[in-house]
N, C-alpha and C. Protein backbone atom coordinates (compact mmCIF):
# COMPACT_ATOMS: atom_id res chain seq x y z
N MET A 1 94.01 85.10 80.31
CA MET A 1 95.15 85.41 81.14
C MET A 1 95.98 86.46 80.42
N SER A 2 96.36 87.51 81.14
CA SER A 2 97.16 88.57 80.53
C SER A 2 98.57 88.07 80.27
N MET A 3 99.29 88.79 79.44
CA MET A 3 100.65 88.41 79.11
C MET A 3 101.53 88.40 80.35
N SER A 4 101.38 89.41 81.23
CA SER A 4 102.21 89.44 82.43
C SER A 4 101.86 88.28 83.36
N SER A 5 100.61 87.87 83.41
CA SER A 5 100.22 86.72 84.22
C SER A 5 100.83 85.44 83.65
N LYS A 6 100.83 85.32 82.34
CA LYS A 6 101.43 84.14 81.71
C LYS A 6 102.93 84.08 82.01
N ILE A 7 103.56 85.24 81.94
CA ILE A 7 105.00 85.29 82.22
C ILE A 7 105.26 84.90 83.67
N MET A 8 104.46 85.46 84.60
CA MET A 8 104.64 85.13 86.02
C MET A 8 104.41 83.64 86.27
N ALA A 9 103.37 83.09 85.69
CA ALA A 9 103.06 81.67 85.89
C ALA A 9 104.19 80.81 85.33
N GLY A 10 104.64 81.16 84.16
CA GLY A 10 105.74 80.40 83.57
C GLY A 10 107.01 80.51 84.39
N ALA A 11 107.29 81.70 84.89
CA ALA A 11 108.48 81.89 85.70
C ALA A 11 108.41 81.09 86.99
N LEU A 12 107.24 81.07 87.62
CA LEU A 12 107.10 80.29 88.86
C LEU A 12 107.27 78.81 88.57
N GLY A 13 106.61 78.33 87.53
CA GLY A 13 106.75 76.92 87.17
C GLY A 13 108.19 76.56 86.85
N LEU A 14 108.85 77.42 86.08
CA LEU A 14 110.25 77.16 85.74
C LEU A 14 111.15 77.23 86.96
N SER A 15 110.85 78.13 87.89
CA SER A 15 111.71 78.25 89.06
C SER A 15 111.65 77.00 89.92
N VAL A 16 110.49 76.36 90.00
CA VAL A 16 110.38 75.11 90.75
C VAL A 16 111.25 74.05 90.09
N PHE A 17 111.14 73.94 88.76
CA PHE A 17 111.91 72.93 88.06
C PHE A 17 113.39 73.28 88.00
N ALA A 18 113.72 74.56 87.92
CA ALA A 18 115.12 74.97 87.95
C ALA A 18 115.73 74.63 89.30
N GLY A 19 114.97 74.84 90.36
CA GLY A 19 115.44 74.47 91.69
C GLY A 19 115.72 72.99 91.77
N ALA A 20 114.86 72.19 91.15
CA ALA A 20 115.07 70.75 91.15
C ALA A 20 116.34 70.39 90.39
N ALA A 21 116.55 71.03 89.26
CA ALA A 21 117.73 70.74 88.46
C ALA A 21 119.00 71.17 89.17
N ILE A 22 118.97 72.32 89.79
CA ILE A 22 120.13 72.81 90.52
C ILE A 22 120.44 71.88 91.67
N GLY A 23 119.39 71.48 92.41
CA GLY A 23 119.60 70.57 93.53
C GLY A 23 120.18 69.25 93.06
N ALA A 24 119.69 68.72 91.95
CA ALA A 24 120.17 67.44 91.44
C ALA A 24 121.63 67.55 90.98
N SER A 25 121.99 68.69 90.41
CA SER A 25 123.34 68.83 89.88
C SER A 25 124.37 69.10 90.96
N HIS A 26 123.95 69.50 92.12
CA HIS A 26 124.87 69.82 93.21
C HIS A 26 124.77 68.84 94.37
N GLY A 27 124.14 67.70 94.17
CA GLY A 27 124.02 66.72 95.23
C GLY A 27 122.92 67.09 96.20
N ALA A 28 122.82 66.33 97.24
CA ALA A 28 121.77 66.56 98.24
C ALA A 28 122.01 67.87 98.98
N PRO A 29 120.93 68.59 99.28
CA PRO A 29 121.10 69.84 100.03
C PRO A 29 121.53 69.56 101.47
N SER A 30 122.22 70.51 102.05
CA SER A 30 122.66 70.38 103.44
C SER A 30 121.48 70.62 104.36
N ASP A 31 121.61 70.25 105.62
CA ASP A 31 120.57 70.50 106.61
C ASP A 31 120.27 71.99 106.73
N ASP A 32 121.33 72.82 106.67
CA ASP A 32 121.13 74.27 106.76
C ASP A 32 120.35 74.80 105.55
N GLN A 33 120.63 74.28 104.37
CA GLN A 33 119.89 74.69 103.18
C GLN A 33 118.42 74.28 103.28
N ILE A 34 118.17 73.09 103.78
CA ILE A 34 116.80 72.62 103.96
C ILE A 34 116.06 73.49 104.96
N LYS A 35 116.69 73.77 106.10
CA LYS A 35 116.06 74.62 107.12
C LYS A 35 115.76 76.01 106.57
N SER A 36 116.69 76.56 105.82
CA SER A 36 116.51 77.89 105.24
C SER A 36 115.36 77.89 104.22
N ALA A 37 115.30 76.87 103.39
CA ALA A 37 114.24 76.78 102.39
C ALA A 37 112.88 76.70 103.07
N ILE A 38 112.77 75.87 104.09
CA ILE A 38 111.51 75.72 104.81
C ILE A 38 111.11 77.02 105.47
N LYS A 39 112.05 77.67 106.12
CA LYS A 39 111.77 78.95 106.80
C LYS A 39 111.28 80.00 105.79
N GLY A 40 111.94 80.09 104.64
CA GLY A 40 111.52 81.04 103.61
C GLY A 40 110.14 80.71 103.05
N ARG A 41 109.89 79.43 102.80
CA ARG A 41 108.60 79.00 102.27
C ARG A 41 107.48 79.31 103.26
N GLN A 42 107.72 79.06 104.53
CA GLN A 42 106.70 79.34 105.54
C GLN A 42 106.44 80.84 105.66
N ALA A 43 107.47 81.65 105.50
CA ALA A 43 107.29 83.11 105.53
C ALA A 43 106.42 83.57 104.36
N ILE A 44 106.66 83.00 103.21
CA ILE A 44 105.86 83.35 102.03
C ILE A 44 104.40 82.94 102.25
N MET A 45 104.19 81.76 102.78
CA MET A 45 102.83 81.30 103.04
C MET A 45 102.13 82.19 104.08
N GLN A 46 102.88 82.69 105.05
CA GLN A 46 102.29 83.62 106.03
C GLN A 46 101.86 84.91 105.37
N LEU A 47 102.64 85.40 104.42
CA LEU A 47 102.26 86.61 103.69
C LEU A 47 101.00 86.38 102.87
N TYR A 48 100.93 85.22 102.20
CA TYR A 48 99.71 84.88 101.48
C TYR A 48 98.53 84.87 102.45
N ALA A 49 98.68 84.15 103.56
CA ALA A 49 97.58 83.98 104.52
C ALA A 49 97.13 85.31 105.10
N TYR A 50 98.05 86.19 105.43
CA TYR A 50 97.69 87.49 106.00
C TYR A 50 96.83 88.30 105.03
N ASN A 51 97.28 88.38 103.78
CA ASN A 51 96.56 89.19 102.80
C ASN A 51 95.25 88.55 102.38
N ILE A 52 95.23 87.24 102.21
CA ILE A 52 93.97 86.56 101.90
C ILE A 52 93.01 86.70 103.07
N GLY A 53 93.52 86.64 104.29
CA GLY A 53 92.68 86.82 105.48
C GLY A 53 92.01 88.18 105.50
N THR A 54 92.74 89.21 105.13
CA THR A 54 92.18 90.56 105.06
C THR A 54 91.03 90.61 104.06
N LEU A 55 91.27 90.04 102.90
CA LEU A 55 90.26 90.05 101.84
C LEU A 55 89.06 89.17 102.19
N ALA A 56 89.33 88.01 102.76
CA ALA A 56 88.25 87.09 103.13
C ALA A 56 87.36 87.70 104.21
N ALA A 57 87.97 88.40 105.17
CA ALA A 57 87.17 89.05 106.22
C ALA A 57 86.22 90.08 105.62
N MET A 58 86.68 90.83 104.63
CA MET A 58 85.81 91.79 103.95
C MET A 58 84.71 91.05 103.18
N ALA A 59 85.10 90.01 102.46
CA ALA A 59 84.13 89.27 101.64
C ALA A 59 83.05 88.63 102.50
N LYS A 60 83.40 88.18 103.70
CA LYS A 60 82.44 87.53 104.61
C LYS A 60 81.64 88.52 105.45
N GLY A 61 81.99 89.80 105.36
CA GLY A 61 81.31 90.81 106.16
C GLY A 61 81.82 90.89 107.60
N GLU A 62 82.96 90.26 107.87
CA GLU A 62 83.55 90.31 109.21
C GLU A 62 84.35 91.59 109.42
N ARG A 63 84.64 92.24 108.35
CA ARG A 63 85.38 93.51 108.35
C ARG A 63 84.72 94.38 107.30
N GLU A 64 84.60 95.66 107.60
CA GLU A 64 83.98 96.58 106.64
C GLU A 64 84.82 96.63 105.37
N TYR A 65 84.12 96.62 104.23
CA TYR A 65 84.83 96.71 102.95
C TYR A 65 85.50 98.06 102.83
N ASP A 66 86.75 98.04 102.47
CA ASP A 66 87.55 99.25 102.28
C ASP A 66 88.29 99.05 100.96
N ALA A 67 87.92 99.79 99.94
CA ALA A 67 88.47 99.61 98.60
C ALA A 67 89.99 99.73 98.59
N ALA A 68 90.52 100.72 99.29
CA ALA A 68 91.98 100.92 99.30
C ALA A 68 92.69 99.75 99.98
N ALA A 69 92.16 99.29 101.10
CA ALA A 69 92.76 98.17 101.82
C ALA A 69 92.64 96.88 100.99
N ALA A 70 91.51 96.70 100.33
CA ALA A 70 91.32 95.51 99.49
C ALA A 70 92.30 95.53 98.32
N LYS A 71 92.44 96.67 97.69
CA LYS A 71 93.37 96.79 96.57
C LYS A 71 94.80 96.55 97.04
N ALA A 72 95.16 97.09 98.20
CA ALA A 72 96.51 96.90 98.73
C ALA A 72 96.78 95.43 99.03
N ALA A 73 95.82 94.74 99.64
CA ALA A 73 96.00 93.32 99.95
C ALA A 73 96.13 92.49 98.67
N ALA A 74 95.33 92.79 97.68
CA ALA A 74 95.41 92.08 96.41
C ALA A 74 96.73 92.37 95.70
N ASP A 75 97.18 93.62 95.76
CA ASP A 75 98.47 93.97 95.18
C ASP A 75 99.61 93.24 95.91
N ASN A 76 99.48 93.13 97.23
CA ASN A 76 100.48 92.39 98.01
C ASN A 76 100.54 90.93 97.58
N LEU A 77 99.36 90.32 97.38
CA LEU A 77 99.32 88.93 96.93
C LEU A 77 100.04 88.79 95.59
N ALA A 78 99.78 89.71 94.68
CA ALA A 78 100.44 89.66 93.37
C ALA A 78 101.95 89.83 93.51
N ALA A 79 102.37 90.71 94.41
CA ALA A 79 103.81 90.93 94.63
C ALA A 79 104.46 89.67 95.20
N VAL A 80 103.84 89.06 96.19
CA VAL A 80 104.38 87.83 96.77
C VAL A 80 104.42 86.73 95.71
N ASN A 81 103.36 86.62 94.96
CA ASN A 81 103.28 85.59 93.93
C ASN A 81 104.35 85.80 92.85
N GLY A 82 104.78 87.02 92.65
CA GLY A 82 105.78 87.32 91.64
C GLY A 82 107.22 87.16 92.09
N LEU A 83 107.42 86.81 93.37
CA LEU A 83 108.78 86.63 93.87
C LEU A 83 109.45 85.43 93.21
N LYS A 84 110.74 85.52 93.02
CA LYS A 84 111.52 84.39 92.53
C LYS A 84 111.68 83.43 93.71
N MET A 85 111.03 82.26 93.62
CA MET A 85 110.92 81.38 94.78
C MET A 85 111.67 80.06 94.66
N ASP A 86 112.54 79.91 93.69
CA ASP A 86 113.18 78.61 93.53
C ASP A 86 113.98 78.20 94.76
N GLY A 87 114.54 79.11 95.48
CA GLY A 87 115.32 78.76 96.68
C GLY A 87 114.50 78.18 97.81
N VAL A 88 113.23 78.55 97.90
CA VAL A 88 112.40 78.03 98.98
C VAL A 88 111.73 76.71 98.63
N TRP A 89 111.76 76.34 97.37
CA TRP A 89 111.20 75.07 96.91
C TRP A 89 112.34 74.11 96.58
N LEU A 90 113.29 74.06 97.45
CA LEU A 90 114.47 73.23 97.28
C LEU A 90 114.11 71.74 97.35
N PRO A 91 114.45 70.97 96.31
CA PRO A 91 114.19 69.54 96.38
C PRO A 91 114.84 68.95 97.63
N GLY A 92 114.12 68.08 98.29
CA GLY A 92 114.64 67.50 99.52
C GLY A 92 114.23 68.26 100.77
N SER A 93 113.42 69.30 100.61
CA SER A 93 113.01 70.10 101.77
C SER A 93 111.56 69.81 102.16
N GLY A 94 111.10 68.62 101.84
CA GLY A 94 109.74 68.22 102.18
C GLY A 94 109.70 67.35 103.42
N THR A 95 108.54 66.76 103.64
CA THR A 95 108.30 65.96 104.85
C THR A 95 109.18 64.72 104.94
N ALA A 96 109.74 64.26 103.83
CA ALA A 96 110.61 63.08 103.87
C ALA A 96 111.93 63.36 104.58
N SER A 97 112.33 64.63 104.64
CA SER A 97 113.63 64.95 105.23
C SER A 97 113.56 65.93 106.40
N ALA A 98 112.39 66.47 106.68
CA ALA A 98 112.28 67.46 107.76
C ALA A 98 110.94 67.32 108.46
N LYS A 99 110.94 67.62 109.74
CA LYS A 99 109.72 67.49 110.53
C LYS A 99 108.94 68.80 110.63
N ASN A 100 109.56 69.91 110.35
CA ASN A 100 108.91 71.21 110.53
C ASN A 100 108.32 71.77 109.24
N THR A 101 107.87 70.89 108.37
CA THR A 101 107.23 71.30 107.13
C THR A 101 106.08 70.35 106.82
N ARG A 102 105.16 70.85 106.03
CA ARG A 102 104.04 70.03 105.56
C ARG A 102 104.10 69.82 104.06
N ALA A 103 105.17 70.29 103.42
CA ALA A 103 105.34 70.13 101.98
C ALA A 103 105.65 68.67 101.66
N LEU A 104 104.80 68.07 100.86
CA LEU A 104 104.97 66.66 100.50
C LEU A 104 105.99 66.49 99.37
N PRO A 105 106.75 65.42 99.38
CA PRO A 105 107.73 65.18 98.31
C PRO A 105 107.11 65.11 96.91
N ALA A 106 105.81 64.90 96.81
CA ALA A 106 105.14 64.84 95.51
C ALA A 106 105.35 66.12 94.69
N ILE A 107 105.65 67.21 95.36
CA ILE A 107 105.90 68.48 94.66
C ILE A 107 107.03 68.31 93.65
N TRP A 108 108.06 67.59 94.04
CA TRP A 108 109.26 67.48 93.23
C TRP A 108 109.31 66.22 92.38
N GLU A 109 108.30 65.38 92.44
CA GLU A 109 108.31 64.13 91.68
C GLU A 109 108.12 64.40 90.19
N SER A 110 108.70 63.54 89.40
CA SER A 110 108.52 63.61 87.96
C SER A 110 107.02 63.50 87.64
N GLY A 111 106.54 64.33 86.76
CA GLY A 111 105.13 64.31 86.39
C GLY A 111 104.25 65.19 87.27
N SER A 112 104.83 65.83 88.27
CA SER A 112 104.07 66.73 89.13
C SER A 112 103.48 67.86 88.29
N ASP A 113 102.25 68.22 88.59
CA ASP A 113 101.63 69.34 87.87
C ASP A 113 101.69 70.63 88.67
N ILE A 114 102.69 70.77 89.50
CA ILE A 114 102.83 71.95 90.34
C ILE A 114 102.92 73.24 89.51
N GLY A 115 103.56 73.17 88.36
CA GLY A 115 103.65 74.36 87.50
C GLY A 115 102.29 74.80 87.00
N LYS A 116 101.44 73.86 86.64
CA LYS A 116 100.08 74.16 86.18
C LYS A 116 99.27 74.78 87.32
N ARG A 117 99.47 74.26 88.50
CA ARG A 117 98.74 74.78 89.66
C ARG A 117 99.23 76.18 90.04
N ALA A 118 100.52 76.40 89.91
CA ALA A 118 101.06 77.74 90.15
C ALA A 118 100.49 78.74 89.14
N ALA A 119 100.34 78.31 87.90
CA ALA A 119 99.76 79.18 86.87
C ALA A 119 98.31 79.51 87.20
N ALA A 120 97.56 78.53 87.71
CA ALA A 120 96.17 78.78 88.09
C ALA A 120 96.10 79.80 89.24
N LEU A 121 97.02 79.70 90.19
CA LEU A 121 97.05 80.67 91.28
C LEU A 121 97.38 82.06 90.75
N THR A 122 98.34 82.15 89.86
CA THR A 122 98.71 83.44 89.28
C THR A 122 97.53 84.07 88.56
N GLU A 123 96.82 83.27 87.79
CA GLU A 123 95.65 83.78 87.07
C GLU A 123 94.56 84.25 88.04
N ALA A 124 94.31 83.47 89.08
CA ALA A 124 93.28 83.84 90.06
C ALA A 124 93.66 85.11 90.80
N ILE A 125 94.93 85.24 91.16
CA ILE A 125 95.38 86.45 91.85
C ILE A 125 95.26 87.66 90.93
N ALA A 126 95.56 87.51 89.66
CA ALA A 126 95.41 88.63 88.71
C ALA A 126 93.95 89.07 88.64
N GLY A 127 93.03 88.12 88.64
CA GLY A 127 91.61 88.46 88.64
C GLY A 127 91.19 89.16 89.91
N LEU A 128 91.70 88.69 91.02
CA LEU A 128 91.41 89.33 92.31
C LEU A 128 91.99 90.73 92.36
N GLN A 129 93.19 90.87 91.87
CA GLN A 129 93.84 92.18 91.86
C GLN A 129 93.04 93.18 91.04
N ALA A 130 92.48 92.75 89.94
CA ALA A 130 91.67 93.64 89.10
C ALA A 130 90.34 94.00 89.75
N ALA A 131 89.81 93.12 90.60
CA ALA A 131 88.47 93.31 91.15
C ALA A 131 88.43 93.87 92.56
N ALA A 132 89.44 93.59 93.36
CA ALA A 132 89.36 93.83 94.80
C ALA A 132 89.02 95.27 95.19
N GLY A 133 89.58 96.23 94.52
CA GLY A 133 89.34 97.62 94.87
C GLY A 133 88.13 98.24 94.21
N THR A 134 87.40 97.45 93.44
CA THR A 134 86.24 97.95 92.70
C THR A 134 85.03 98.14 93.61
N ASP A 135 84.55 97.04 94.17
CA ASP A 135 83.45 97.05 95.13
C ASP A 135 83.37 95.69 95.80
N LEU A 136 82.52 95.58 96.80
CA LEU A 136 82.42 94.35 97.58
C LEU A 136 81.95 93.18 96.73
N ALA A 137 80.99 93.40 95.86
CA ALA A 137 80.49 92.31 95.00
C ALA A 137 81.61 91.77 94.11
N ALA A 138 82.42 92.64 93.56
CA ALA A 138 83.53 92.20 92.70
C ALA A 138 84.56 91.42 93.52
N LEU A 139 84.85 91.90 94.72
CA LEU A 139 85.77 91.18 95.61
C LEU A 139 85.24 89.78 95.90
N ARG A 140 83.97 89.71 96.25
CA ARG A 140 83.37 88.40 96.57
C ARG A 140 83.42 87.46 95.37
N GLY A 141 83.24 87.98 94.19
CA GLY A 141 83.28 87.15 92.99
C GLY A 141 84.68 86.68 92.63
N ALA A 142 85.69 87.43 93.03
CA ALA A 142 87.06 87.12 92.61
C ALA A 142 87.87 86.36 93.66
N ILE A 143 87.41 86.35 94.90
CA ILE A 143 88.22 85.69 95.93
C ILE A 143 88.09 84.17 95.88
N GLY A 144 86.95 83.67 95.44
CA GLY A 144 86.74 82.22 95.38
C GLY A 144 87.77 81.49 94.54
N PRO A 145 88.09 81.97 93.33
CA PRO A 145 89.10 81.29 92.53
C PRO A 145 90.49 81.25 93.18
N VAL A 146 90.80 82.26 93.99
CA VAL A 146 92.09 82.25 94.69
C VAL A 146 92.07 81.14 95.74
N GLY A 147 91.00 81.07 96.51
CA GLY A 147 90.88 80.00 97.50
C GLY A 147 90.91 78.63 96.87
N LYS A 148 90.26 78.50 95.73
CA LYS A 148 90.23 77.22 95.01
C LYS A 148 91.63 76.85 94.53
N ALA A 149 92.37 77.82 94.02
CA ALA A 149 93.73 77.55 93.54
C ALA A 149 94.66 77.19 94.70
N CYS A 150 94.53 77.87 95.81
CA CYS A 150 95.34 77.54 96.99
C CYS A 150 95.00 76.13 97.47
N GLY A 151 93.71 75.87 97.59
CA GLY A 151 93.25 74.57 98.07
C GLY A 151 93.68 73.42 97.17
N ALA A 152 93.70 73.65 95.87
CA ALA A 152 94.08 72.59 94.93
C ALA A 152 95.52 72.14 95.17
N CYS A 153 96.39 73.09 95.45
CA CYS A 153 97.78 72.74 95.75
C CYS A 153 97.87 72.05 97.11
N HIS A 154 97.20 72.62 98.08
CA HIS A 154 97.28 72.07 99.43
C HIS A 154 96.71 70.65 99.51
N GLU A 155 95.71 70.36 98.71
CA GLU A 155 95.11 69.02 98.70
C GLU A 155 96.13 67.93 98.42
N ASP A 156 96.93 68.13 97.41
CA ASP A 156 97.86 67.08 96.96
C ASP A 156 99.30 67.30 97.38
N PHE A 157 99.66 68.49 97.76
CA PHE A 157 101.07 68.78 98.02
C PHE A 157 101.37 69.25 99.44
N ARG A 158 100.37 69.23 100.31
CA ARG A 158 100.59 69.63 101.70
C ARG A 158 100.05 68.53 102.61
N GLN A 159 100.86 68.14 103.56
CA GLN A 159 100.43 67.11 104.51
C GLN A 159 99.26 67.65 105.34
N SER A 160 98.27 66.81 105.54
CA SER A 160 97.09 67.24 106.30
C SER A 160 97.41 67.32 107.79
N ASP A 161 96.53 67.97 108.51
CA ASP A 161 96.69 68.11 109.96
C ASP A 161 96.38 66.83 110.73
N ASP A 162 95.76 65.87 110.05
CA ASP A 162 95.32 64.64 110.72
C ASP A 162 96.45 63.89 111.36
């Protein structure tokens, strides 16, 4: 993992925990704060999904490989991943307090490994960013770890569709 990836992963992990500490020190968040956090989090997830969708379509052969477009989508993922996101991961903005989210309260529980999972996503995105604009084979080899990192979080921290 490069130094900048380590810094990004650490910053994301710390921002989740900083958000928890801020929330705890200021009492329960208001309904408006919860709605805002959920709306922001969903917007970020849409940006992830859009760019991963572009790359996945190329990797699956559903869209012609375009090195510039692949590099741009991977760069976008890295940019989104580098955003300061503590405001959208507001403690109390999960399924226990709101109906329009799938974020499980386990994210904010003591002992949660969300920071470790965020670091894995950062590392996978860095690998994808380095490979995406190279060629189709490199893109195909690098997109799997991103999907795995996304899925690992969603498995334990996102309510299923069932």
